[in-house]
Amino acid sequence: MGVKEIEDAITRLPDNELAELMAWLQEYHHTVWDRQIENDLETGRLDSLLVEVEREYEAGSAQPL
């Protein structure tokens, strides 16, 4: 099944099933994002950013969220 067929099927969903699908997609997207961050941390892709954050924190430049 291709994307076009999936899009067409989605347009035919009743409102309650569309809401259910949207909630599932949001949760799935978060899962994929978490996996990507974990992979980036494991491979060192975020090391330079983490060093910069640590420097800013130690310099007192950090702002509470």
PDB file of N, CA and C in Angstrom:
ATOM      1  N   MET A   1       0.855  -1.178   0.000  1.00  0.00           N
ATOM      2  CA  MET A   1       0.000   0.000   0.000  1.00  0.00           C
ATOM      3  C   MET A   1       0.897   1.235   0.000  1.00  0.00           C
ATOM      4  N   GLY A   2       0.618   2.169  -0.863  1.00  0.00           N
ATOM      5  CA  GLY A   2       1.389   3.395  -0.951  1.00  0.00           C
ATOM      6  C   GLY A   2       0.769   4.533  -0.152  1.00  0.00           C
ATOM      7  N   VAL A   3       1.488   5.632  -0.111  1.00  0.00           N
ATOM      8  CA  VAL A   3       1.036   6.797   0.650  1.00  0.00           C
ATOM      9  C   VAL A   3      -0.304   7.307   0.129  1.00  0.00           C
ATOM     10  N   LYS A   4      -0.480   7.349  -1.173  1.00  0.00           N
ATOM     11  CA  LYS A   4      -1.730   7.856  -1.749  1.00  0.00           C
ATOM     12  C   LYS A   4      -2.923   7.017  -1.285  1.00  0.00           C
ATOM     13  N   GLU A   5      -2.748   5.700  -1.255  1.00  0.00           N
ATOM     14  CA  GLU A   5      -3.835   4.831  -0.790  1.00  0.00           C
ATOM     15  C   GLU A   5      -4.126   5.062   0.693  1.00  0.00           C
ATOM     16  N   ILE A   6      -3.087   5.288   1.454  1.00  0.00           N
ATOM     17  CA  ILE A   6      -3.276   5.566   2.886  1.00  0.00           C
ATOM     18  C   ILE A   6      -4.002   6.889   3.070  1.00  0.00           C
ATOM     19  N   GLU A   7      -3.578   7.898   2.317  1.00  0.00           N
ATOM     20  CA  GLU A   7      -4.257   9.198   2.394  1.00  0.00           C
ATOM     21  C   GLU A   7      -5.731   9.066   2.047  1.00  0.00           C
ATOM     22  N   ASP A   8      -6.029   8.332   0.994  1.00  0.00           N
ATOM     23  CA  ASP A   8      -7.422   8.142   0.583  1.00  0.00           C
ATOM     24  C   ASP A   8      -8.226   7.427   1.673  1.00  0.00           C
ATOM     25  N   ALA A   9      -7.627   6.403   2.280  1.00  0.00           N
ATOM     26  CA  ALA A   9      -8.308   5.669   3.353  1.00  0.00           C
ATOM     27  C   ALA A   9      -8.572   6.586   4.546  1.00  0.00           C
ATOM     28  N   ILE A  10      -7.623   7.445   4.859  1.00  0.00           N
ATOM     29  CA  ILE A  10      -7.790   8.366   5.993  1.00  0.00           C
ATOM     30  C   ILE A  10      -8.952   9.312   5.753  1.00  0.00           C
ATOM     31  N   THR A  11      -9.103   9.782   4.532  1.00  0.00           N
ATOM     32  CA  THR A  11     -10.209  10.720   4.250  1.00  0.00           C
ATOM     33  C   THR A  11     -11.568  10.069   4.421  1.00  0.00           C
ATOM     34  N   ARG A  12     -11.615   8.747   4.430  1.00  0.00           N
ATOM     35  CA  ARG A  12     -12.895   8.042   4.581  1.00  0.00           C
ATOM     36  C   ARG A  12     -13.182   7.606   6.021  1.00  0.00           C
ATOM     37  N   LEU A  13     -12.252   7.881   6.923  1.00  0.00           N
ATOM     38  CA  LEU A  13     -12.461   7.470   8.318  1.00  0.00           C
ATOM     39  C   LEU A  13     -13.544   8.303   8.990  1.00  0.00           C
ATOM     40  N   PRO A  14     -14.346   7.681   9.842  1.00  0.00           N
ATOM     41  CA  PRO A  14     -15.272   8.452  10.679  1.00  0.00           C
ATOM     42  C   PRO A  14     -14.461   9.314  11.658  1.00  0.00           C
ATOM     43  N   ASP A  15     -15.065  10.374  12.135  1.00  0.00           N
ATOM     44  CA  ASP A  15     -14.361  11.321  13.004  1.00  0.00           C
ATOM     45  C   ASP A  15     -13.694  10.659  14.201  1.00  0.00           C
ATOM     46  N   ASN A  16     -14.391   9.724  14.856  1.00  0.00           N
ATOM     47  CA  ASN A  16     -13.817   9.102  16.048  1.00  0.00           C
ATOM     48  C   ASN A  16     -12.585   8.259  15.709  1.00  0.00           C
ATOM     49  N   GLU A  17     -12.600   7.592  14.572  1.00  0.00           N
ATOM     50  CA  GLU A  17     -11.441   6.795  14.169  1.00  0.00           C
ATOM     51  C   GLU A  17     -10.294   7.687  13.698  1.00  0.00           C
ATOM     52  N   LEU A  18     -10.624   8.817  13.091  1.00  0.00           N
ATOM     53  CA  LEU A  18      -9.594   9.773  12.696  1.00  0.00           C
ATOM     54  C   LEU A  18      -8.893  10.325  13.939  1.00  0.00           C
ATOM     55  N   ALA A  19      -9.657  10.637  14.973  1.00  0.00           N
ATOM     56  CA  ALA A  19      -9.068  11.128  16.224  1.00  0.00           C
ATOM     57  C   ALA A  19      -8.165  10.059  16.842  1.00  0.00           C
ATOM     58  N   GLU A  20      -8.603   8.817  16.799  1.00  0.00           N
ATOM     59  CA  GLU A  20      -7.803   7.712  17.322  1.00  0.00           C
ATOM     60  C   GLU A  20      -6.493   7.567  16.537  1.00  0.00           C
ATOM     61  N   LEU A  21      -6.576   7.662  15.217  1.00  0.00           N
ATOM     62  CA  LEU A  21      -5.397   7.575  14.371  1.00  0.00           C
ATOM     63  C   LEU A  21      -4.435   8.728  14.653  1.00  0.00           C
ATOM     64  N   MET A  22      -4.971   9.924  14.797  1.00  0.00           N
ATOM     65  CA  MET A  22      -4.124  11.088  15.058  1.00  0.00           C
ATOM     66  C   MET A  22      -3.386  10.948  16.390  1.00  0.00           C
ATOM     67  N   ALA A  23      -4.067  10.437  17.407  1.00  0.00           N
ATOM     68  CA  ALA A  23      -3.423  10.220  18.702  1.00  0.00           C
ATOM     69  C   ALA A  23      -2.317   9.183  18.576  1.00  0.00           C
ATOM     70  N   TRP A  24      -2.587   8.108  17.824  1.00  0.00           N
ATOM     71  CA  TRP A  24      -1.579   7.073  17.623  1.00  0.00           C
ATOM     72  C   TRP A  24      -0.371   7.629  16.868  1.00  0.00           C
ATOM     73  N   LEU A  25      -0.622   8.411  15.811  1.00  0.00           N
ATOM     74  CA  LEU A  25       0.472   8.990  15.031  1.00  0.00           C
ATOM     75  C   LEU A  25       1.336   9.915  15.880  1.00  0.00           C
ATOM     76  N   GLN A  26       0.703  10.691  16.739  1.00  0.00           N
ATOM     77  CA  GLN A  26       1.464  11.585  17.614  1.00  0.00           C
ATOM     78  C   GLN A  26       2.369  10.775  18.547  1.00  0.00           C
ATOM     79  N   GLU A  27       1.836   9.738  19.148  1.00  0.00           N
ATOM     80  CA  GLU A  27       2.627   8.884  20.041  1.00  0.00           C
ATOM     81  C   GLU A  27       3.743   8.189  19.261  1.00  0.00           C
ATOM     82  N   TYR A  28       3.439   7.722  18.078  1.00  0.00           N
ATOM     83  CA  TYR A  28       4.448   7.062  17.244  1.00  0.00           C
ATOM     84  C   TYR A  28       5.557   8.044  16.869  1.00  0.00           C
ATOM     85  N   HIS A  29       5.190   9.253  16.517  1.00  0.00           N
ATOM     86  CA  HIS A  29       6.171  10.279  16.179  1.00  0.00           C
ATOM     87  C   HIS A  29       7.090  10.544  17.366  1.00  0.00           C
ATOM     88  N   HIS A  30       6.554  10.610  18.565  1.00  0.00           N
ATOM     89  CA  HIS A  30       7.374  10.806  19.765  1.00  0.00           C
ATOM     90  C   HIS A  30       8.347   9.642  19.948  1.00  0.00           C
ATOM     91  N   THR A  31       7.881   8.436  19.701  1.00  0.00           N
ATOM     92  CA  THR A  31       8.737   7.249  19.827  1.00  0.00           C
ATOM     93  C   THR A  31       9.891   7.306  18.828  1.00  0.00           C
ATOM     94  N   VAL A  32       9.586   7.668  17.594  1.00  0.00           N
ATOM     95  CA  VAL A  32      10.626   7.778  16.564  1.00  0.00           C
ATOM     96  C   VAL A  32      11.625   8.868  16.941  1.00  0.00           C
ATOM     97  N   TRP A  33      11.144   9.995  17.425  1.00  0.00           N
ATOM     98  CA  TRP A  33      12.000  11.105  17.845  1.00  0.00           C
ATOM     99  C   TRP A  33      12.917  10.665  18.990  1.00  0.00           C
ATOM    100  N   ASP A  34      12.355   9.987  19.974  1.00  0.00           N
ATOM    101  CA  ASP A  34      13.162   9.504  21.101  1.00  0.00           C
ATOM    102  C   ASP A  34      14.269   8.565  20.633  1.00  0.00           C
ATOM    103  N   ARG A  35      13.937   7.668  19.708  1.00  0.00           N
ATOM    104  CA  ARG A  35      14.944   6.747  19.159  1.00  0.00           C
ATOM    105  C   ARG A  35      16.054   7.508  18.454  1.00  0.00           C
ATOM    106  N   GLN A  36      15.690   8.557  17.709  1.00  0.00           N
ATOM    107  CA  GLN A  36      16.683   9.352  16.981  1.00  0.00           C
ATOM    108  C   GLN A  36      17.609  10.071  17.961  1.00  0.00           C
ATOM    109  N   ILE A  37      17.049  10.649  19.019  1.00  0.00           N
ATOM    110  CA  ILE A  37      17.868  11.333  20.025  1.00  0.00           C
ATOM    111  C   ILE A  37      18.806  10.337  20.688  1.00  0.00           C
ATOM    112  N   GLU A  38      18.304   9.177  21.067  1.00  0.00           N
ATOM    113  CA  GLU A  38      19.149   8.150  21.692  1.00  0.00           C
ATOM    114  C   GLU A  38      20.275   7.735  20.754  1.00  0.00           C
ATOM    115  N   ASN A  39      19.957   7.555  19.482  1.00  0.00           N
ATOM    116  CA  ASN A  39      20.969   7.179  18.504  1.00  0.00           C
ATOM    117  C   ASN A  39      22.015   8.293  18.352  1.00  0.00           C
ATOM    118  N   ASP A  40      21.553   9.529  18.287  1.00  0.00           N
ATOM    119  CA  ASP A  40      22.481  10.653  18.169  1.00  0.00           C
ATOM    120  C   ASP A  40      23.389  10.757  19.389  1.00  0.00           C
ATOM    121  N   LEU A  41      22.846  10.495  20.570  1.00  0.00           N
ATOM    122  CA  LEU A  41      23.671  10.513  21.783  1.00  0.00           C
ATOM    123  C   LEU A  41      24.706   9.395  21.753  1.00  0.00           C
ATOM    124  N   GLU A  42      24.279   8.197  21.356  1.00  0.00           N
ATOM    125  CA  GLU A  42      25.184   7.040  21.326  1.00  0.00           C
ATOM    126  C   GLU A  42      26.302   7.210  20.303  1.00  0.00           C
ATOM    127  N   THR A  43      26.019   7.852  19.193  1.00  0.00           N
ATOM    128  CA  THR A  43      27.012   7.997  18.132  1.00  0.00           C
ATOM    129  C   THR A  43      27.856   9.261  18.282  1.00  0.00           C
ATOM    130  N   GLY A  44      27.554  10.075  19.296  1.00  0.00           N
ATOM    131  CA  GLY A  44      28.355  11.268  19.541  1.00  0.00           C
ATOM    132  C   GLY A  44      27.958  12.482  18.728  1.00  0.00           C
ATOM    133  N   ARG A  45      26.847  12.392  18.022  1.00  0.00           N
ATOM    134  CA  ARG A  45      26.431  13.517  17.178  1.00  0.00           C
ATOM    135  C   ARG A  45      26.046  14.752  17.987  1.00  0.00           C
ATOM    136  N   LEU A  46      25.739  14.576  19.261  1.00  0.00           N
ATOM    137  CA  LEU A  46      25.342  15.714  20.097  1.00  0.00           C
ATOM    138  C   LEU A  46      26.450  16.175  21.033  1.00  0.00           C
ATOM    139  N   ASP A  47      27.615  15.544  20.952  1.00  0.00           N
ATOM    140  CA  ASP A  47      28.698  15.861  21.888  1.00  0.00           C
ATOM    141  C   ASP A  47      29.069  17.340  21.878  1.00  0.00           C
ATOM    142  N   SER A  48      29.262  17.927  20.711  1.00  0.00           N
ATOM    143  CA  SER A  48      29.668  19.332  20.652  1.00  0.00           C
ATOM    144  C   SER A  48      28.583  20.239  21.230  1.00  0.00           C
ATOM    145  N   LEU A  49      27.343  19.915  20.988  1.00  0.00           N
ATOM    146  CA  LEU A  49      26.243  20.700  21.550  1.00  0.00           C
ATOM    147  C   LEU A  49      26.223  20.588  23.070  1.00  0.00           C
ATOM    148  N   LEU A  50      26.437  19.381  23.589  1.00  0.00           N
ATOM    149  CA  LEU A  50      26.446  19.188  25.039  1.00  0.00           C
ATOM    150  C   LEU A  50      27.607  19.933  25.694  1.00  0.00           C
ATOM    151  N   VAL A  51      28.752  19.984  25.036  1.00  0.00           N
ATOM    152  CA  VAL A  51      29.896  20.747  25.556  1.00  0.00           C
ATOM    153  C   VAL A  51      29.542  22.231  25.612  1.00  0.00           C
ATOM    154  N   GLU A  52      28.911  22.721  24.571  1.00  0.00           N
ATOM    155  CA  GLU A  52      28.510  24.133  24.535  1.00  0.00           C
ATOM    156  C   GLU A  52      27.509  24.449  25.643  1.00  0.00           C
ATOM    157  N   VAL A  53      26.560  23.581  25.849  1.00  0.00           N
ATOM    158  CA  VAL A  53      25.556  23.777  26.904  1.00  0.00           C
ATOM    159  C   VAL A  53      26.234  23.786  28.271  1.00  0.00           C
ATOM    160  N   GLU A  54      27.154  22.869  28.483  1.00  0.00           N
ATOM    161  CA  GLU A  54      27.879  22.811  29.760  1.00  0.00           C
ATOM    162  C   GLU A  54      28.656  24.102  29.999  1.00  0.00           C
ATOM    163  N   ARG A  55      29.316  24.618  28.966  1.00  0.00           N
ATOM    164  CA  ARG A  55      30.057  25.887  29.092  1.00  0.00           C
ATOM    165  C   ARG A  55      29.120  27.030  29.456  1.00  0.00           C
ATOM    166  N   GLU A  56      27.997  27.117  28.790  1.00  0.00           N
ATOM    167  CA  GLU A  56      27.033  28.178  29.079  1.00  0.00           C
ATOM    168  C   GLU A  56      26.494  28.055  30.498  1.00  0.00           C
ATOM    169  N   TYR A  57      26.237  26.839  30.932  1.00  0.00           N
ATOM    170  CA  TYR A  57      25.741  26.618  32.287  1.00  0.00           C
ATOM    171  C   TYR A  57      26.773  27.069  33.318  1.00  0.00           C
ATOM    172  N   GLU A  58      28.026  26.643  33.106  1.00  0.00           N
ATOM    173  CA  GLU A  58      29.087  27.007  34.042  1.00  0.00           C
ATOM    174  C   GLU A  58      29.357  28.514  34.053  1.00  0.00           C
ATOM    175  N   ALA A  59      29.129  29.190  32.928  1.00  0.00           N
ATOM    176  CA  ALA A  59      29.316  30.630  32.843  1.00  0.00           C
ATOM    177  C   ALA A  59      28.130  31.406  33.409  1.00  0.00           C
ATOM    178  N   GLY A  60      27.095  30.693  33.822  1.00  0.00           N
ATOM    179  CA  GLY A  60      25.908  31.348  34.371  1.00  0.00           C
ATOM    180  C   GLY A  60      24.960  31.892  33.309  1.00  0.00           C
ATOM    181  N   SER A  61      25.143  31.459  32.072  1.00  0.00           N
ATOM    182  CA  SER A  61      24.295  31.950  30.971  1.00  0.00           C
ATOM    183  C   SER A  61      22.982  31.190  30.850  1.00  0.00           C
ATOM    184  N   ALA A  62      22.856  30.090  31.562  1.00  0.00           N
ATOM    185  CA  ALA A  62      21.656  29.246  31.431  1.00  0.00           C
ATOM    186  C   ALA A  62      20.448  29.948  32.050  1.00  0.00           C
ATOM    187  N   GLN A  63      19.326  29.785  31.407  1.00  0.00           N
ATOM    188  CA  GLN A  63      18.061  30.321  31.890  1.00  0.00           C
ATOM    189  C   GLN A  63      17.140  29.173  32.242  1.00  0.00           C
ATOM    190  N   PRO A  64      16.443  29.232  33.361  1.00  0.00           N
ATOM    191  CA  PRO A  64      15.479  28.171  33.658  1.00  0.00           C
ATOM    192  C   PRO A  64      14.372  28.150  32.602  1.00  0.00           C
ATOM    193  N   LEU A  65      13.886  26.965  32.320  1.00  0.00           N
ATOM    194  CA  LEU A  65      12.798  26.836  31.338  1.00  0.00           C
ATOM    195  C   LEU A  65      11.473  27.162  31.942  1.00  0.00           C
TER     196      LEU A  65
END
